[in-house]
Amino acid sequence: MGQLDAPAPDAAAASAAPPLLERACREHLQRLEQVRRLAPRTLVNYRRDLQDLCRRAAQAGLDAPALQARHLRSWVAALHAQGMSPRAIAARLSAWRGLLRWMGTQALLASDPARDVRAPRAQRPLPKALSVEHAVALAAGAPAGSGHTGAEPVDPRALARSRALAELLYSSGLRVSELIGLDLRPVRDDDHVSQGWIDWDDSQAHVLGKGGKRRSVPVGQQAMQALREWLRLRGPAAAQATASDRAALFLGPRGARISAQRVREELRQRARDAGLPSSVHPHMLRHSFASHLLQSSGDLRAVQELLGHASVASTQIYTRLDFQHLAQVYDQAHPRAHKPR
């Protein structure tokens, strides 16, 4: 008896399944193992999910051709009622859908009953934002060094760059792609066309966001000060630099336009030097910008515009962060928030 034919804990229920569905499950699993060469652990999960389908069909007295979308929807609903997570339900439904789709290619089914069946939507995870105190410490603090330890000299240029990066990300809520695309000033010639730039007179950043949408966002006073200090120490681009590099606002250590990876590294180092969690990343400052601005102003539409979200639904997730903050304040401060001892 081969691996796929070995009895499973629920083999008795599976063996009672209608003949066509049971046979198709076995052949499909053999195909997944021998043709698609799925990992053993993955095959175990597929076998469990398909045996569940066989068991449910057997209990309903249904063979494969009689399966309809309403049957699958009722079984998905039963899984949800039993407490299975939306993610796990989606994985199980995906296994069912793969089997039924393959049966269609083998002319074993006239139509696919799972085609329009959807798993419950998983709750969108909350974005991770820093506290106001941590965000300010990261942006404004003077780290002990930018990757330097012990008696090694501190590089003023690297420190100025890391501070300007952190200040600008937190001040204006930029995506890292928007940040690294910034130029010193707008350029439009045969060699280079600016995606974004700093307006030094109006304290604004003009950026090219997702979907090719342009927007302008204000740059705070502290961020402008950090940018001017970086500009003083920036220096020229490397001799072999491209036109894009020469125009760039932020240059990396080798004199080329800074990369997204370099921004992440410098931010992580700055966070470590400031005593913050090392998992800090550029998008966390964008989340912090949005969350803190919404907490202070309550103006969802304004935050949407500043973030460059096409739909306000994308911005509304920050209202959940705001509620979390308010709930924490309540739990810590309200005299009747705690359970009696």
Protein backbone atom coordinates (compact mmCIF):
# COMPACT_ATOMS: atom_id res chain seq x y z
CA MET A 1 0.00 0.00 0.00
CA GLY A 2 1.54 3.35 -1.07
CA GLN A 3 1.83 6.46 1.01
CA LEU A 4 -1.31 7.98 -0.44
CA ASP A 5 -3.31 4.81 0.15
CA ALA A 6 -2.37 4.58 3.83
CA PRO A 7 -5.32 4.77 6.20
CA ALA A 8 -5.86 8.12 7.88
CA PRO A 9 -7.68 8.81 11.17
CA ASP A 10 -10.88 9.54 9.32
CA ALA A 11 -10.41 6.88 6.63
CA ALA A 12 -13.66 5.14 7.56
CA ALA A 13 -15.66 8.26 6.83
CA ALA A 14 -13.72 8.89 3.64
CA SER A 15 -14.23 5.31 2.41
CA ALA A 16 -17.98 5.82 2.71
CA ALA A 17 -17.82 8.68 0.23
CA PRO A 18 -19.50 8.26 -3.15
CA PRO A 19 -17.26 6.23 -5.50
CA LEU A 20 -16.50 8.94 -8.08
CA LEU A 21 -15.51 11.59 -5.53
CA GLU A 22 -13.38 9.12 -3.52
CA ARG A 23 -11.57 7.87 -6.63
CA ALA A 24 -11.00 11.41 -7.87
CA CYS A 25 -9.52 12.42 -4.51
CA ARG A 26 -7.04 9.55 -4.64
CA GLU A 27 -5.99 10.29 -8.23
CA HIS A 28 -5.69 14.01 -7.53
CA LEU A 29 -3.49 13.39 -4.50
CA GLN A 30 -1.25 11.08 -6.54
CA ARG A 31 -0.93 13.81 -9.15
CA LEU A 32 0.00 16.37 -6.49
CA GLU A 33 2.68 14.04 -5.16
CA GLN A 34 4.12 12.60 -8.37
CA VAL A 35 3.60 15.36 -10.93
CA ARG A 36 3.56 18.58 -8.93
CA ARG A 37 5.92 17.07 -6.31
CA LEU A 38 4.42 18.90 -3.36
CA ALA A 39 6.19 18.69 -0.02
CA PRO A 40 5.10 15.88 2.33
CA ARG A 41 3.68 18.31 4.88
CA THR A 42 1.67 20.05 2.16
CA LEU A 43 0.33 16.69 0.98
CA VAL A 44 -0.78 15.89 4.53
CA ASN A 45 -2.80 19.11 4.58
CA TYR A 46 -4.33 18.42 1.16
CA ARG A 47 -5.26 14.88 2.19
CA ARG A 48 -6.94 16.13 5.38
CA ASP A 49 -8.90 18.79 3.49
CA LEU A 50 -10.03 16.45 0.72
CA GLN A 51 -11.03 13.74 3.19
CA ASP A 52 -13.18 16.35 4.88
CA LEU A 53 -14.90 17.03 1.55
CA CYS A 54 -15.47 13.31 1.01
CA ARG A 55 -16.89 12.92 4.51
CA ARG A 56 -19.32 15.80 4.10
CA ALA A 57 -20.45 14.57 0.69
CA ALA A 58 -20.99 11.06 2.08
CA GLN A 59 -23.06 12.37 4.98
CA ALA A 60 -25.20 14.32 2.52
CA GLY A 61 -25.50 11.31 0.18
CA LEU A 62 -23.98 13.26 -2.71
CA ASP A 63 -21.69 12.06 -5.46
CA ALA A 64 -19.44 14.54 -7.27
CA PRO A 65 -21.82 15.36 -10.18
CA ALA A 66 -24.55 16.32 -7.69
CA LEU A 67 -22.39 18.81 -5.81
CA GLN A 68 -23.66 22.38 -6.04
CA ALA A 69 -22.39 25.72 -4.81
CA ARG A 70 -25.04 25.77 -2.06
CA HIS A 71 -23.61 22.57 -0.60
CA LEU A 72 -20.09 23.98 -0.48
CA ARG A 73 -21.33 27.27 0.98
CA SER A 74 -23.16 25.43 3.76
CA TRP A 75 -20.01 23.42 4.58
CA VAL A 76 -17.90 26.58 4.61
CA ALA A 77 -20.45 28.16 6.95
CA ALA A 78 -20.27 25.09 9.20
CA LEU A 79 -16.48 25.39 9.40
CA HIS A 80 -16.85 29.04 10.33
CA ALA A 81 -19.44 28.21 12.99
CA GLN A 82 -17.04 25.63 14.45
CA GLY A 83 -14.49 28.39 15.03
CA MET A 84 -12.08 27.74 12.16
CA SER A 85 -10.21 30.91 11.21
CA PRO A 86 -10.95 32.60 7.87
CA ARG A 87 -7.38 31.87 6.76
CA ALA A 88 -7.73 28.14 7.48
CA ILE A 89 -11.14 28.04 5.78
CA ALA A 90 -9.65 29.71 2.72
CA ALA A 91 -6.92 27.07 2.58
CA ARG A 92 -9.45 24.24 2.87
CA LEU A 93 -11.70 25.74 0.21
CA SER A 94 -8.65 26.16 -2.03
CA ALA A 95 -7.97 22.42 -1.75
CA TRP A 96 -11.60 21.64 -2.61
CA ARG A 97 -11.52 24.06 -5.50
CA GLY A 98 -8.32 22.53 -6.88
CA LEU A 99 -9.84 19.06 -6.86
CA LEU A 100 -13.10 20.11 -8.50
CA ARG A 101 -11.31 22.18 -11.13
CA TRP A 102 -9.08 19.21 -11.97
CA MET A 103 -12.14 16.96 -12.21
CA GLY A 104 -13.55 19.37 -14.77
CA THR A 105 -10.40 19.07 -16.90
CA GLN A 106 -10.81 15.28 -16.75
CA ALA A 107 -14.45 15.52 -17.93
CA LEU A 108 -15.61 14.14 -14.58
CA LEU A 109 -17.72 17.24 -13.88
CA ALA A 110 -19.81 19.30 -16.27
CA SER A 111 -19.34 22.48 -14.23
CA ASP A 112 -17.32 23.71 -11.27
CA PRO A 113 -19.54 24.12 -8.18
CA ALA A 114 -16.77 25.90 -6.25
CA ARG A 115 -16.18 28.63 -8.80
CA ASP A 116 -18.32 31.28 -7.06
CA VAL A 117 -17.86 30.09 -3.47
CA ARG A 118 -15.84 32.46 -1.29
CA ALA A 119 -14.25 31.97 2.10
CA PRO A 120 -15.05 34.43 4.93
CA ARG A 121 -12.96 37.56 4.65
CA ALA A 122 -10.06 37.61 7.07
CA GLN A 123 -9.88 40.67 9.28
CA ARG A 124 -7.30 43.06 7.95
CA PRO A 125 -4.38 43.24 10.41
CA LEU A 126 -3.80 46.56 12.08
CA PRO A 127 -0.75 48.48 10.85
CA LYS A 128 2.06 48.75 13.37
CA ALA A 129 2.67 52.29 14.56
CA LEU A 130 5.11 53.71 17.06
CA SER A 131 3.95 55.64 20.09
CA VAL A 132 4.29 59.41 19.84
CA GLU A 133 7.21 59.31 22.28
CA HIS A 134 9.07 56.64 20.30
CA ALA A 135 8.42 58.32 16.94
CA VAL A 136 9.74 61.65 18.23
CA ALA A 137 12.75 59.95 19.81
CA LEU A 138 13.54 58.18 16.55
CA ALA A 139 13.17 61.28 14.40
CA ALA A 140 14.71 63.93 16.62
CA GLY A 141 17.08 61.93 18.82
CA ALA A 142 20.83 62.01 18.35
CA PRO A 143 21.87 58.36 18.07
CA ALA A 144 25.20 57.34 19.54
CA GLY A 145 26.41 56.34 16.08
CA SER A 146 25.30 55.20 12.67
CA GLY A 147 26.56 51.66 12.83
CA HIS A 148 29.66 52.70 14.74
CA THR A 149 30.67 51.19 18.04
CA GLY A 150 33.37 51.68 20.60
CA ALA A 151 36.08 54.20 19.78
CA GLU A 152 35.24 54.38 16.07
CA PRO A 153 34.67 57.96 14.87
CA VAL A 154 31.11 59.04 14.22
CA ASP A 155 30.45 60.04 10.61
CA PRO A 156 28.60 63.40 10.71
CA ARG A 157 27.38 62.89 7.15
CA ALA A 158 25.83 59.51 7.97
CA LEU A 159 24.20 60.91 11.10
CA ALA A 160 22.78 63.86 9.20
CA ARG A 161 21.40 61.53 6.53
CA SER A 162 19.78 59.13 9.01
CA ARG A 163 18.17 62.02 10.91
CA ALA A 164 16.86 63.61 7.71
CA LEU A 165 15.45 60.26 6.54
CA ALA A 166 13.64 59.65 9.83
CA GLU A 167 12.37 63.21 10.18
CA LEU A 168 11.01 63.32 6.63
CA LEU A 169 9.33 59.91 6.82
CA TYR A 170 7.56 60.83 10.07
CA SER A 171 6.84 64.44 9.09
CA SER A 172 5.24 63.72 5.73
CA GLY A 173 4.13 60.06 5.77
CA LEU A 174 6.02 59.17 2.61
CA ARG A 175 6.36 55.67 1.22
CA VAL A 176 9.97 54.56 0.99
CA SER A 177 9.70 54.48 -2.83
CA GLU A 178 8.54 58.11 -2.76
CA LEU A 179 11.38 59.04 -0.42
CA ILE A 180 14.19 57.59 -2.52
CA GLY A 181 12.66 59.14 -5.65
CA LEU A 182 13.05 62.68 -4.31
CA ASP A 183 15.40 65.06 -6.09
CA LEU A 184 16.99 68.25 -4.78
CA ARG A 185 14.89 70.25 -7.24
CA PRO A 186 12.70 69.45 -10.27
CA VAL A 187 14.66 68.24 -13.26
CA ARG A 188 13.30 67.59 -16.72
CA ASP A 189 15.82 66.95 -19.47
CA ASP A 190 16.88 64.22 -21.86
CA ASP A 191 18.86 62.34 -19.21
CA HIS A 192 16.51 62.51 -16.23
CA VAL A 193 12.95 63.50 -15.31
CA SER A 194 12.22 63.99 -11.61
CA GLN A 195 9.66 61.76 -9.95
CA GLY A 196 9.62 63.96 -6.88
CA TRP A 197 11.44 66.90 -5.34
CA ILE A 198 11.59 69.26 -2.36
CA ASP A 199 10.15 72.75 -2.60
CA TRP A 200 12.58 74.53 -0.27
CA ASP A 201 10.67 77.81 -0.26
CA ASP A 202 7.20 76.39 0.51
CA SER A 203 8.40 73.48 2.72
CA GLN A 204 6.67 70.84 0.63
CA ALA A 205 7.55 67.50 -0.88
CA HIS A 206 6.13 66.77 -4.32
CA VAL A 207 6.01 63.01 -4.90
CA LEU A 208 4.85 60.46 -7.43
CA GLY A 209 2.77 57.88 -5.58
CA LYS A 210 1.02 54.63 -6.43
CA GLY A 211 -0.79 54.53 -9.74
CA GLY A 212 1.25 57.46 -11.04
CA LYS A 213 -0.68 59.89 -8.83
CA ARG A 214 1.14 63.06 -7.90
CA ARG A 215 0.58 64.79 -4.59
CA SER A 216 2.16 67.49 -2.47
CA VAL A 217 2.64 67.08 1.27
CA PRO A 218 3.89 69.58 3.83
CA VAL A 219 7.28 69.11 5.45
CA GLY A 220 7.47 70.14 9.08
CA GLN A 221 9.92 72.69 10.45
CA GLN A 222 12.09 70.10 12.22
CA ALA A 223 12.26 67.97 9.08
CA MET A 224 13.21 70.99 6.97
CA GLN A 225 15.97 71.80 9.43
CA ALA A 226 17.26 68.22 9.23
CA LEU A 227 17.12 68.32 5.41
CA ARG A 228 19.11 71.56 5.28
CA GLU A 229 21.73 70.08 7.59
CA TRP A 230 21.92 67.02 5.32
CA LEU A 231 22.17 69.30 2.28
CA ARG A 232 25.16 71.05 3.87
CA LEU A 233 26.99 67.71 4.25
CA ARG A 234 25.58 65.87 1.22
CA GLY A 235 28.51 66.52 -1.09
CA PRO A 236 28.60 65.71 -4.78
CA ALA A 237 27.55 62.45 -6.36
CA ALA A 238 30.22 59.94 -7.32
CA ALA A 239 32.21 60.64 -10.46
CA GLN A 240 30.59 57.72 -12.30
CA ALA A 241 27.08 58.65 -11.10
CA THR A 242 24.15 58.79 -13.50
CA ALA A 243 22.03 61.89 -14.11
CA SER A 244 19.46 60.42 -11.70
CA ASP A 245 22.11 60.02 -9.00
CA ARG A 246 23.37 63.56 -9.44
CA ALA A 247 19.85 64.94 -8.99
CA ALA A 248 18.99 62.78 -5.96
CA LEU A 249 18.22 64.37 -2.63
CA PHE A 250 19.62 61.42 -0.68
CA LEU A 251 22.91 59.85 -1.68
CA GLY A 252 24.16 56.61 -0.19
CA PRO A 253 27.69 56.04 1.13
CA ARG A 254 29.02 55.41 -2.39
CA GLY A 255 27.64 58.59 -3.88
CA ALA A 256 24.69 57.07 -5.77
CA ARG A 257 20.98 57.59 -5.14
CA ILE A 258 20.13 55.88 -1.88
CA SER A 259 18.38 52.50 -2.11
CA ALA A 260 15.30 51.35 -0.22
CA GLN A 261 17.41 48.68 1.48
CA ARG A 262 19.86 51.30 2.70
CA VAL A 263 17.01 53.39 4.11
CA ARG A 264 15.73 50.35 6.02
CA GLU A 265 19.20 49.57 7.38
CA GLU A 266 19.84 53.12 8.56
CA LEU A 267 16.42 53.33 10.18
CA ARG A 268 16.95 50.03 12.02
CA GLN A 269 20.34 51.22 13.24
CA ARG A 270 18.92 54.54 14.36
CA ALA A 271 16.14 52.73 16.22
CA ARG A 272 18.66 50.48 17.99
CA ASP A 273 20.81 53.46 18.96
CA ALA A 274 17.72 55.22 20.35
CA GLY A 275 16.75 52.13 22.37
CA LEU A 276 13.68 51.37 20.25
CA PRO A 277 12.60 47.96 18.90
CA SER A 278 14.90 46.84 16.08
CA SER A 279 11.87 45.91 13.94
CA VAL A 280 11.26 49.58 13.04
CA HIS A 281 10.90 50.00 9.28
CA PRO A 282 10.06 52.96 6.99
CA HIS A 283 6.38 52.07 6.59
CA MET A 284 6.01 52.06 10.38
CA LEU A 285 6.77 55.79 10.33
CA ARG A 286 4.12 56.28 7.64
CA HIS A 287 1.64 54.44 9.88
CA SER A 288 2.76 56.55 12.85
CA PHE A 289 2.32 59.76 10.83
CA ALA A 290 -1.24 58.80 9.90
CA SER A 291 -2.25 57.50 13.31
CA HIS A 292 -0.87 60.46 15.27
CA LEU A 293 -2.32 63.00 12.84
CA LEU A 294 -5.73 61.35 13.02
CA GLN A 295 -5.61 61.22 16.82
CA SER A 296 -4.93 64.96 16.94
CA SER A 297 -7.20 66.21 14.17
CA GLY A 298 -9.89 63.57 13.62
CA ASP A 299 -9.94 64.67 9.96
CA LEU A 300 -10.08 61.41 8.01
CA ARG A 301 -10.35 63.07 4.58
CA ALA A 302 -7.29 65.24 5.18
CA VAL A 303 -5.24 62.23 6.27
CA GLN A 304 -6.45 60.37 3.15
CA GLU A 305 -5.17 63.19 0.93
CA LEU A 306 -1.83 63.39 2.71
CA LEU A 307 -1.29 59.64 2.42
CA GLY A 308 -2.37 59.56 -1.22
CA HIS A 309 -4.98 56.85 -0.70
CA ALA A 310 -7.35 56.44 -3.63
CA SER A 311 -10.16 55.33 -1.31
CA VAL A 312 -11.00 56.53 2.17
CA ALA A 313 -11.54 52.87 3.09
CA SER A 314 -7.76 52.42 3.09
CA THR A 315 -7.42 55.28 5.55
CA GLN A 316 -10.19 54.13 7.86
CA ILE A 317 -8.00 51.39 9.32
CA TYR A 318 -6.20 54.13 11.24
CA THR A 319 -9.42 54.92 13.08
CA ARG A 320 -9.10 51.46 14.62
CA LEU A 321 -5.61 52.37 15.80
CA ASP A 322 -7.04 55.58 17.22
CA PHE A 323 -9.72 53.60 19.10
CA GLN A 324 -7.05 51.26 20.45
CA HIS A 325 -5.16 54.27 21.79
CA LEU A 326 -8.29 55.70 23.40
CA ALA A 327 -9.15 52.32 24.91
CA GLN A 328 -5.68 52.04 26.43
CA VAL A 329 -5.99 55.53 27.91
CA TYR A 330 -9.39 54.58 29.35
CA ASP A 331 -8.11 51.32 30.83
CA GLN A 332 -5.18 53.08 32.47
CA ALA A 333 -6.95 56.21 33.70
CA HIS A 334 -10.64 55.58 34.38
CA PRO A 335 -11.34 54.64 38.00
CA ARG A 336 -14.08 52.21 37.00
CA ALA A 337 -12.21 50.52 34.16
CA HIS A 338 -10.68 47.78 36.29
CA LYS A 339 -12.36 44.72 37.65
CA PRO A 340 -12.96 44.77 41.41
CA ARG A 341 -10.46 42.77 43.40
